[in-house]
Amino acid sequence: MTLSDLVIAVLAGIVQGVVEWLPVSSQGNLSLVLTLVGTDPAVAVQLALFLQVGTTLSAATYYRDELQTTLAAVPGWRPQDAYEGENAIASYIVVASFMTGVVGIPLYIFAVDLAGQLTGGVFIAVIGLLLIATGILQFASESVSMGGHTAPTLTDSILVGAVQGLAILPGISRSGMTTSVFLFRSYEPPAAFRLSFLLSIPASLGAAVLTLLSAGGLPGISPTAAGVALAVSAVVGYLTIDALMRVVDRVPFWAVCFGLGALAIVGGGVVAVLT
């Protein structure tokens, strides 16, 4: 591993560890960073998905008590009580994860193929447009949310799982999309974020496996660099998740999406002109 590879790995880990908890598309922003430092757009998409494994470890550690409770309820799970009591979370994760795969796998194939055909500047601009689209959805959900619900239903599981599948596209925020659906469904913001992050664990692991299979191994990165990036993202993610959860109700993340999206469009246009 060269010094340049080490710097990129550490930078990628820091970016992933911080932005994963913000509804501003960690995959989109990490793809932007990797593309700007010279990574091929198609490889950048795959790397951004793979490196989510680091923050998945952070989320699993942060929510370890709830995960243990959910796993303990699995032996007593019955179809007729699928969304009753402790069974509700387990049922929600299984159904929503299935829907994520149904929607996300075809989109992943499309996204990697499209990224391979776009120049770096156009790719950056496309991510910018998707970031703005995410901001619009979040703004709308914050405007209509009334709050009140805390436990997921079968309908919630299907809807949230399907929109999470859309987040395979760089620029579409996974947490932004899923929490927005919960807010539209009248969930309290803390419950919406908790359910969103719990669902991110199987989704991120599945995306990493899909990436490894489609790329035939690690996508454009050495095992050592991958280990460094994953370790950095896991540590940074764990150190930042609690602080970011405390301010989540104070920051209009739709505005962050608008700002980052506009910068990406302008920056992508400049890169396209220069290249």
Protein backbone atom coordinates (compact mmCIF):
# COMPACT_ATOMS: atom_id res chain seq x y z
CA MET A 1 0.00 0.00 0.00
CA THR A 2 1.45 3.36 -1.05
CA LEU A 3 1.31 6.53 1.03
CA SER A 4 -1.29 7.90 -1.40
CA ASP A 5 -3.47 4.82 -0.91
CA LEU A 6 -3.16 5.20 2.88
CA VAL A 7 -4.20 8.86 2.78
CA ILE A 8 -7.21 8.08 0.58
CA ALA A 9 -8.20 5.17 2.83
CA VAL A 10 -8.07 7.33 5.98
CA LEU A 11 -9.93 10.18 4.24
CA ALA A 12 -12.62 7.79 2.99
CA GLY A 13 -13.01 6.29 6.47
CA ILE A 14 -13.41 9.71 8.10
CA VAL A 15 -15.98 10.88 5.54
CA GLN A 16 -17.97 7.65 5.86
CA GLY A 17 -17.79 7.70 9.65
CA VAL A 18 -19.23 11.21 9.88
CA VAL A 19 -21.78 11.49 7.08
CA GLU A 20 -23.35 8.05 7.53
CA TRP A 21 -25.47 9.45 10.38
CA LEU A 22 -26.59 12.52 8.43
CA PRO A 23 -29.51 12.31 5.97
CA VAL A 24 -27.28 13.67 3.19
CA SER A 25 -26.23 10.40 1.45
CA SER A 26 -22.98 9.02 2.78
CA GLN A 27 -22.63 7.01 -0.42
CA GLY A 28 -23.13 10.09 -2.59
CA ASN A 29 -20.71 12.25 -0.65
CA LEU A 30 -18.08 9.52 -0.38
CA SER A 31 -18.43 8.84 -4.12
CA LEU A 32 -17.87 12.56 -4.69
CA VAL A 33 -14.72 12.58 -2.55
CA LEU A 34 -13.31 9.46 -4.18
CA THR A 35 -14.06 10.77 -7.68
CA LEU A 36 -12.42 14.10 -6.90
CA VAL A 37 -9.20 12.36 -5.79
CA GLY A 38 -9.05 10.44 -9.07
CA THR A 39 -11.02 7.24 -8.50
CA ASP A 40 -12.99 5.91 -11.46
CA PRO A 41 -16.72 6.76 -10.95
CA ALA A 42 -17.88 3.13 -11.24
CA VAL A 43 -15.26 2.02 -8.70
CA ALA A 44 -16.17 4.99 -6.44
CA VAL A 45 -19.80 3.79 -6.31
CA GLN A 46 -18.70 0.27 -5.35
CA LEU A 47 -16.20 1.49 -2.75
CA ALA A 48 -18.76 3.81 -1.17
CA LEU A 49 -21.14 0.89 -0.73
CA PHE A 50 -18.46 -1.48 0.57
CA LEU A 51 -17.10 0.97 3.16
CA GLN A 52 -20.51 1.19 4.83
CA VAL A 53 -19.53 -2.01 6.62
CA GLY A 54 -17.39 0.08 8.98
CA THR A 55 -20.28 2.24 10.16
CA THR A 56 -22.50 -0.85 10.26
CA LEU A 57 -20.23 -2.11 13.03
CA SER A 58 -20.66 1.26 14.76
CA ALA A 59 -24.46 1.07 14.52
CA ALA A 60 -24.54 -2.54 15.72
CA THR A 61 -22.41 -1.59 18.74
CA TYR A 62 -24.47 1.52 19.50
CA TYR A 63 -27.77 -0.40 19.32
CA ARG A 64 -26.42 -3.63 20.80
CA ASP A 65 -29.01 -3.78 23.60
CA GLU A 66 -31.94 -3.46 21.19
CA LEU A 67 -30.39 -6.00 18.82
CA GLN A 68 -30.00 -8.46 21.68
CA THR A 69 -33.64 -7.96 22.65
CA THR A 70 -34.76 -8.49 19.07
CA LEU A 71 -32.68 -11.65 18.64
CA ALA A 72 -33.98 -13.01 21.95
CA ALA A 73 -37.55 -12.66 20.65
CA VAL A 74 -36.87 -14.64 17.44
CA PRO A 75 -37.35 -18.18 18.93
CA GLY A 76 -40.88 -17.24 20.05
CA TRP A 77 -41.86 -15.59 16.77
CA ARG A 78 -45.23 -16.65 15.31
CA PRO A 79 -46.85 -15.41 12.05
CA GLN A 80 -50.07 -14.43 13.80
CA ASP A 81 -48.12 -12.26 16.23
CA ALA A 82 -45.60 -10.94 13.71
CA TYR A 83 -46.15 -7.28 14.58
CA GLU A 84 -46.98 -7.67 18.26
CA GLY A 85 -44.58 -6.68 21.04
CA GLU A 86 -40.92 -7.60 20.56
CA ASN A 87 -41.77 -9.53 17.38
CA ALA A 88 -42.53 -6.26 15.57
CA ILE A 89 -38.88 -5.21 15.22
CA ALA A 90 -37.74 -8.62 13.98
CA SER A 91 -40.58 -8.78 11.45
CA TYR A 92 -39.89 -5.24 10.33
CA ILE A 93 -36.18 -5.93 9.71
CA VAL A 94 -36.86 -9.14 7.75
CA VAL A 95 -39.66 -7.78 5.55
CA ALA A 96 -38.00 -4.41 4.95
CA SER A 97 -34.64 -6.04 4.12
CA PHE A 98 -36.35 -8.31 1.57
CA MET A 99 -38.00 -5.30 -0.09
CA THR A 100 -34.67 -3.48 -0.13
CA GLY A 101 -33.14 -6.34 -2.09
CA VAL A 102 -36.03 -6.48 -4.56
CA VAL A 103 -35.66 -2.78 -5.36
CA GLY A 104 -31.96 -2.26 -4.74
CA ILE A 105 -30.26 -5.08 -6.65
CA PRO A 106 -31.54 -4.04 -10.12
CA LEU A 107 -30.75 -0.39 -9.32
CA TYR A 108 -27.21 -1.33 -8.24
CA ILE A 109 -26.56 -2.96 -11.61
CA PHE A 110 -27.96 0.13 -13.33
CA ALA A 111 -25.97 2.58 -11.17
CA VAL A 112 -22.59 0.88 -11.69
CA ASP A 113 -23.20 0.57 -15.43
CA LEU A 114 -24.28 4.21 -15.70
CA ALA A 115 -21.34 5.46 -13.61
CA GLY A 116 -18.97 3.59 -15.91
CA GLN A 117 -20.36 5.49 -18.90
CA LEU A 118 -20.23 8.98 -17.36
CA THR A 119 -17.26 11.31 -17.14
CA GLY A 120 -16.17 12.43 -13.68
CA GLY A 121 -17.78 15.87 -14.00
CA VAL A 122 -21.15 14.59 -15.22
CA PHE A 123 -21.15 11.89 -12.53
CA ILE A 124 -20.58 14.53 -9.82
CA ALA A 125 -23.40 16.68 -11.21
CA VAL A 126 -25.80 13.71 -11.23
CA ILE A 127 -25.03 13.07 -7.57
CA GLY A 128 -25.77 16.75 -6.91
CA LEU A 129 -29.21 16.45 -8.51
CA LEU A 130 -30.02 13.39 -6.41
CA LEU A 131 -28.89 15.17 -3.23
CA ILE A 132 -31.29 18.02 -4.01
CA ALA A 133 -34.09 15.50 -4.63
CA THR A 134 -33.39 14.00 -1.20
CA GLY A 135 -33.55 17.48 0.33
CA ILE A 136 -36.94 18.13 -1.24
CA LEU A 137 -38.34 14.89 0.20
CA GLN A 138 -36.99 15.66 3.66
CA PHE A 139 -38.38 19.19 3.59
CA ALA A 140 -41.81 17.83 2.65
CA SER A 141 -41.74 15.15 5.37
CA GLU A 142 -40.76 17.64 8.07
CA SER A 143 -43.65 19.86 7.00
CA VAL A 144 -46.36 17.18 7.36
CA SER A 145 -45.12 14.98 10.20
CA MET A 146 -47.48 14.90 13.20
CA GLY A 147 -45.80 12.25 15.34
CA GLY A 148 -47.41 9.60 17.53
CA HIS A 149 -46.40 6.16 16.20
CA THR A 150 -43.43 4.25 17.58
CA ALA A 151 -43.81 0.58 16.47
CA PRO A 152 -43.54 -0.52 12.80
CA THR A 153 -46.38 -2.23 10.91
CA LEU A 154 -46.34 -4.49 7.85
CA THR A 155 -47.18 -1.51 5.62
CA ASP A 156 -44.32 0.48 7.14
CA SER A 157 -41.93 -2.43 6.56
CA ILE A 158 -42.84 -2.71 2.87
CA LEU A 159 -42.70 1.04 2.21
CA VAL A 160 -39.49 1.70 4.13
CA GLY A 161 -37.74 -1.33 2.66
CA ALA A 162 -38.65 -0.29 -0.88
CA VAL A 163 -37.43 3.29 -0.53
CA GLN A 164 -34.25 2.08 1.17
CA GLY A 165 -33.57 0.15 -2.02
CA LEU A 166 -33.56 3.47 -3.90
CA ALA A 167 -30.62 4.58 -1.77
CA ILE A 168 -28.35 2.27 -3.76
CA LEU A 169 -28.13 5.28 -6.10
CA PRO A 170 -25.32 7.65 -4.98
CA GLY A 171 -26.85 10.92 -3.86
CA ILE A 172 -30.04 9.35 -2.48
CA SER A 173 -29.70 9.33 1.29
CA ARG A 174 -30.61 6.00 2.87
CA SER A 175 -31.33 7.50 6.28
CA GLY A 176 -32.97 10.55 4.71
CA MET A 177 -35.33 8.40 2.62
CA THR A 178 -36.28 5.93 5.35
CA THR A 179 -36.76 8.50 8.11
CA SER A 180 -38.81 10.66 5.75
CA VAL A 181 -41.19 7.75 5.11
CA PHE A 182 -41.56 7.20 8.84
CA LEU A 183 -42.25 10.90 9.36
CA PHE A 184 -44.87 10.81 6.59
CA ARG A 185 -46.38 7.85 8.46
CA SER A 186 -46.66 10.02 11.62
CA TYR A 187 -43.76 8.56 13.63
CA GLU A 188 -41.95 10.56 16.27
CA PRO A 189 -38.53 11.70 14.94
CA PRO A 190 -36.49 9.73 17.55
CA ALA A 191 -38.39 6.52 16.69
CA ALA A 192 -37.96 7.19 12.97
CA PHE A 193 -34.18 7.52 13.27
CA ARG A 194 -33.87 4.50 15.57
CA LEU A 195 -35.81 2.26 13.17
CA SER A 196 -33.87 3.65 10.21
CA PHE A 197 -30.47 2.90 11.74
CA LEU A 198 -31.51 -0.61 12.85
CA LEU A 199 -32.50 -1.37 9.25
CA SER A 200 -29.18 -0.02 7.99
CA ILE A 201 -27.30 -2.97 9.54
CA PRO A 202 -28.56 -5.80 7.26
CA ALA A 203 -28.84 -3.40 4.31
CA SER A 204 -25.20 -2.31 4.53
CA LEU A 205 -23.94 -5.88 4.97
CA GLY A 206 -26.02 -6.97 1.97
CA ALA A 207 -24.69 -4.09 -0.15
CA ALA A 208 -21.12 -5.03 0.74
CA VAL A 209 -21.66 -8.66 -0.26
CA LEU A 210 -23.31 -7.55 -3.52
CA THR A 211 -20.34 -5.29 -4.23
CA LEU A 212 -17.78 -8.04 -3.61
CA LEU A 213 -19.67 -10.46 -5.83
CA SER A 214 -20.17 -8.03 -8.70
CA ALA A 215 -16.60 -6.71 -8.56
CA GLY A 216 -15.07 -10.17 -8.16
CA GLY A 217 -13.34 -9.07 -4.95
CA LEU A 218 -12.40 -5.77 -3.36
CA PRO A 219 -13.34 -2.97 -5.79
CA GLY A 220 -10.19 -1.07 -6.74
CA ILE A 221 -8.59 -1.19 -3.30
CA SER A 222 -5.96 -3.36 -1.65
CA PRO A 223 -6.87 -5.52 1.37
CA THR A 224 -4.64 -3.37 3.61
CA ALA A 225 -6.20 -0.10 2.44
CA ALA A 226 -9.67 -1.60 2.81
CA GLY A 227 -8.88 -2.65 6.37
CA VAL A 228 -7.62 0.83 7.24
CA ALA A 229 -10.69 2.52 5.72
CA LEU A 230 -13.10 0.17 7.51
CA ALA A 231 -11.33 0.57 10.85
CA VAL A 232 -11.28 4.38 10.59
CA SER A 233 -14.96 4.55 9.56
CA ALA A 234 -15.96 2.23 12.43
CA VAL A 235 -14.09 4.25 15.07
CA VAL A 236 -15.12 7.66 13.74
CA GLY A 237 -18.69 6.44 13.29
CA TYR A 238 -18.97 5.24 16.87
CA LEU A 239 -17.47 8.45 18.24
CA THR A 240 -19.82 10.69 16.23
CA ILE A 241 -23.16 8.85 16.22
CA ASP A 242 -24.16 9.87 19.74
CA ALA A 243 -23.29 13.53 19.25
CA LEU A 244 -25.06 13.71 15.90
CA MET A 245 -28.18 12.01 17.25
CA ARG A 246 -28.40 14.71 19.93
CA VAL A 247 -28.50 17.54 17.38
CA VAL A 248 -30.63 15.78 14.77
CA ASP A 249 -33.74 17.75 15.69
CA ARG A 250 -31.93 21.11 15.56
CA VAL A 251 -30.40 21.02 12.08
CA PRO A 252 -32.51 21.30 8.89
CA PHE A 253 -30.82 18.52 6.95
CA TRP A 254 -32.91 19.28 3.88
CA ALA A 255 -30.98 22.56 3.67
CA VAL A 256 -27.68 20.65 3.90
CA CYS A 257 -28.80 18.46 0.99
CA PHE A 258 -29.67 21.55 -1.06
CA GLY A 259 -26.31 23.15 -0.35
CA LEU A 260 -24.22 20.06 -1.04
CA GLY A 261 -26.27 19.27 -4.13
CA ALA A 262 -25.82 22.76 -5.57
CA LEU A 263 -22.06 22.65 -4.92
CA ALA A 264 -21.83 19.23 -6.58
CA ILE A 265 -23.69 20.43 -9.68
CA VAL A 266 -21.48 23.50 -10.01
CA GLY A 267 -18.32 21.52 -9.28
CA GLY A 268 -19.32 18.76 -11.68
CA GLY A 269 -19.89 21.33 -14.41
CA VAL A 270 -16.44 22.82 -13.84
CA VAL A 271 -14.79 19.39 -13.91
CA ALA A 272 -16.69 18.47 -17.09
CA VAL A 273 -15.55 21.69 -18.82
CA LEU A 274 -11.92 21.27 -17.74
CA THR A 275 -11.80 17.64 -18.87
